[in-house]
Protein backbone atom coordinates (compact mmCIF):
# COMPACT_ATOMS: atom_id res chain seq x y z
CA MET A 1 3.14 14.46 -4.83
CA LEU A 2 -0.53 13.37 -5.79
CA ILE A 3 0.30 9.79 -6.63
CA ALA A 4 2.55 9.56 -3.65
CA LYS A 5 -0.28 10.95 -0.98
CA VAL A 6 -2.66 8.39 -2.65
CA VAL A 7 -0.36 5.43 -2.11
CA SER A 8 0.65 6.66 1.33
CA MET A 9 -3.29 6.72 2.23
CA TRP A 10 -3.60 2.94 1.11
CA SER A 11 -0.26 1.98 3.19
CA ASP A 12 -1.51 3.72 6.17
CA ILE A 13 -5.20 1.88 5.50
CA GLU A 14 -3.20 -1.32 5.45
CA THR A 15 -1.75 -0.69 8.66
CA ALA A 16 -4.66 0.14 10.51
CA LEU A 17 -6.88 -2.92 9.10
CA THR A 18 -3.79 -5.43 9.39
CA PRO A 19 -4.49 -6.27 13.12
CA ILE A 20 -8.33 -6.72 12.20
CA ILE A 21 -8.38 -8.67 8.90
CA GLY A 22 -4.65 -9.59 8.42
CA HIS A 23 -2.43 -8.43 5.59
CA ARG A 24 -4.09 -10.89 3.04
CA GLY A 25 -7.60 -9.82 3.97
CA VAL A 26 -6.82 -6.34 3.06
CA ALA A 27 -5.26 -6.97 0.08
CA ALA A 28 -8.04 -9.43 -0.83
CA LEU A 29 -10.34 -6.37 0.00
CA PHE A 30 -8.51 -3.94 -2.24
CA ASP A 31 -8.29 -6.32 -5.05
CA ARG A 32 -12.24 -6.81 -4.87
CA THR A 33 -12.66 -2.92 -4.41
CA CYS A 34 -10.71 -2.46 -7.65
CA HIS A 35 -12.75 -5.16 -9.57
CA LEU A 36 -15.75 -3.67 -8.58
CA THR A 37 -14.62 -0.16 -9.16
CA ARG A 38 -13.35 -0.94 -12.78
CA PRO A 39 -15.88 -0.65 -14.86
CA ASP A 40 -16.29 3.17 -14.28
CA HIS A 41 -12.17 3.36 -14.33
CA PRO A 42 -11.34 0.83 -17.09
CA TRP A 43 -7.34 1.39 -16.69
CA LEU A 44 -7.95 0.48 -12.98
CA THR A 45 -6.69 -3.06 -12.52
CA PRO A 46 -5.60 -4.33 -9.33
CA PRO A 47 -2.05 -4.73 -8.33
CA HIS A 48 -0.97 -8.13 -7.34
CA GLN A 49 -0.13 -9.19 -3.95
CA SER A 50 3.52 -8.84 -2.73
CA ALA A 51 5.18 -11.91 -1.85
CA ASP A 52 4.04 -11.35 1.86
CA GLY A 53 0.50 -10.94 1.36
CA ARG A 54 0.39 -7.17 1.44
CA ILE A 55 -1.02 -4.76 -1.54
CA ASP A 56 1.88 -4.00 -3.95
CA LEU A 57 2.21 -0.55 -3.21
CA ALA A 58 4.81 0.19 -5.92
CA ALA A 59 2.70 -1.45 -8.50
CA LEU A 60 0.01 0.60 -7.27
CA GLN A 61 2.11 3.54 -7.83
CA SER A 62 2.78 2.64 -11.42
CA LEU A 63 -1.03 2.14 -11.91
CA PHE A 64 -1.86 5.62 -10.64
CA SER A 65 1.26 7.40 -12.47
CA GLN A 66 -0.54 6.78 -15.77
CA PRO A 67 -3.85 8.93 -15.93
CA THR A 68 -4.25 12.63 -15.26
CA SER A 69 -4.56 13.74 -11.91
CA ASP A 70 -8.01 14.31 -12.24
CA ARG A 71 -8.54 10.43 -13.11
CA VAL A 72 -6.60 9.94 -10.07
CA LEU A 73 -8.57 11.86 -7.58
CA SER A 74 -11.64 10.12 -9.27
CA ALA A 75 -10.70 6.53 -9.27
CA ASN A 76 -9.21 6.71 -5.69
CA GLY A 77 -12.11 8.53 -4.29
CA ALA A 78 -14.24 5.60 -5.90
CA LEU A 79 -11.93 3.07 -4.58
CA LEU A 80 -12.03 4.58 -1.22
CA GLN A 81 -15.86 4.80 -1.22
CA LYS A 82 -16.44 1.14 -2.53
CA PHE A 83 -13.26 -0.16 -0.12
CA SER A 84 -15.31 1.29 2.52
CA GLU A 85 -18.35 0.01 1.89
CA LEU A 86 -17.22 -3.27 1.69
CA LEU A 87 -15.41 -2.79 4.66
CA GLY A 88 -18.65 -1.80 6.66
CA ASN A 89 -20.36 -5.18 5.34
CA LEU A 90 -17.28 -7.27 6.62
CA ILE A 91 -16.76 -5.70 10.32
CA GLY A 92 -19.51 -3.00 10.64
CA SER A 93 -19.90 0.36 9.66
CA GLY A 94 -19.26 1.94 13.19
CA LEU A 95 -15.51 0.21 13.47
CA THR A 96 -14.81 0.87 9.84
CA GLU A 97 -15.62 4.72 10.48
CA ARG A 98 -13.17 4.65 13.39
CA LEU A 99 -10.50 3.01 11.63
CA LEU A 100 -10.59 4.69 8.35
CA ARG A 101 -11.49 8.46 9.41
CA PRO A 102 -7.86 9.15 11.02
CA VAL A 103 -6.32 7.77 8.11
CA VAL A 104 -8.33 9.88 5.52
CA ASP A 105 -8.56 12.76 7.36
CA THR A 106 -4.78 12.85 7.54
CA HIS A 107 -4.30 12.55 3.92
CA SER A 108 -7.06 15.01 3.05
CA THR A 109 -5.77 17.86 5.14
CA GLY A 110 -2.28 16.62 5.78
CA ASP A 111 -2.95 16.94 9.82
CA ALA A 112 -3.64 14.07 12.05
CA ALA A 113 -7.57 13.93 12.87
């Protein structure tokens, strides 16, 4: 259940950001985020982009199925924080907040923000 929720959140983030930076932009930003987060979570290798340039969500699900729930939560929190920072540098913190907050709120509480 936890892994499905994490993967669903990243899918929703991709959906929210695609109109602004495109599928390949979201996937590239996610890859960079994984690279920067990896020193604290060595098992966290970026999944390859799918053929259409999207984040490979099946690979992400497989990646998160390996560690314990605590490690998944810790790594996903670090990923989300770093991703938000990188995106904020790219499009501004205000727009980043407006785009990501509804997704994060939905996945943290189960309800739409």
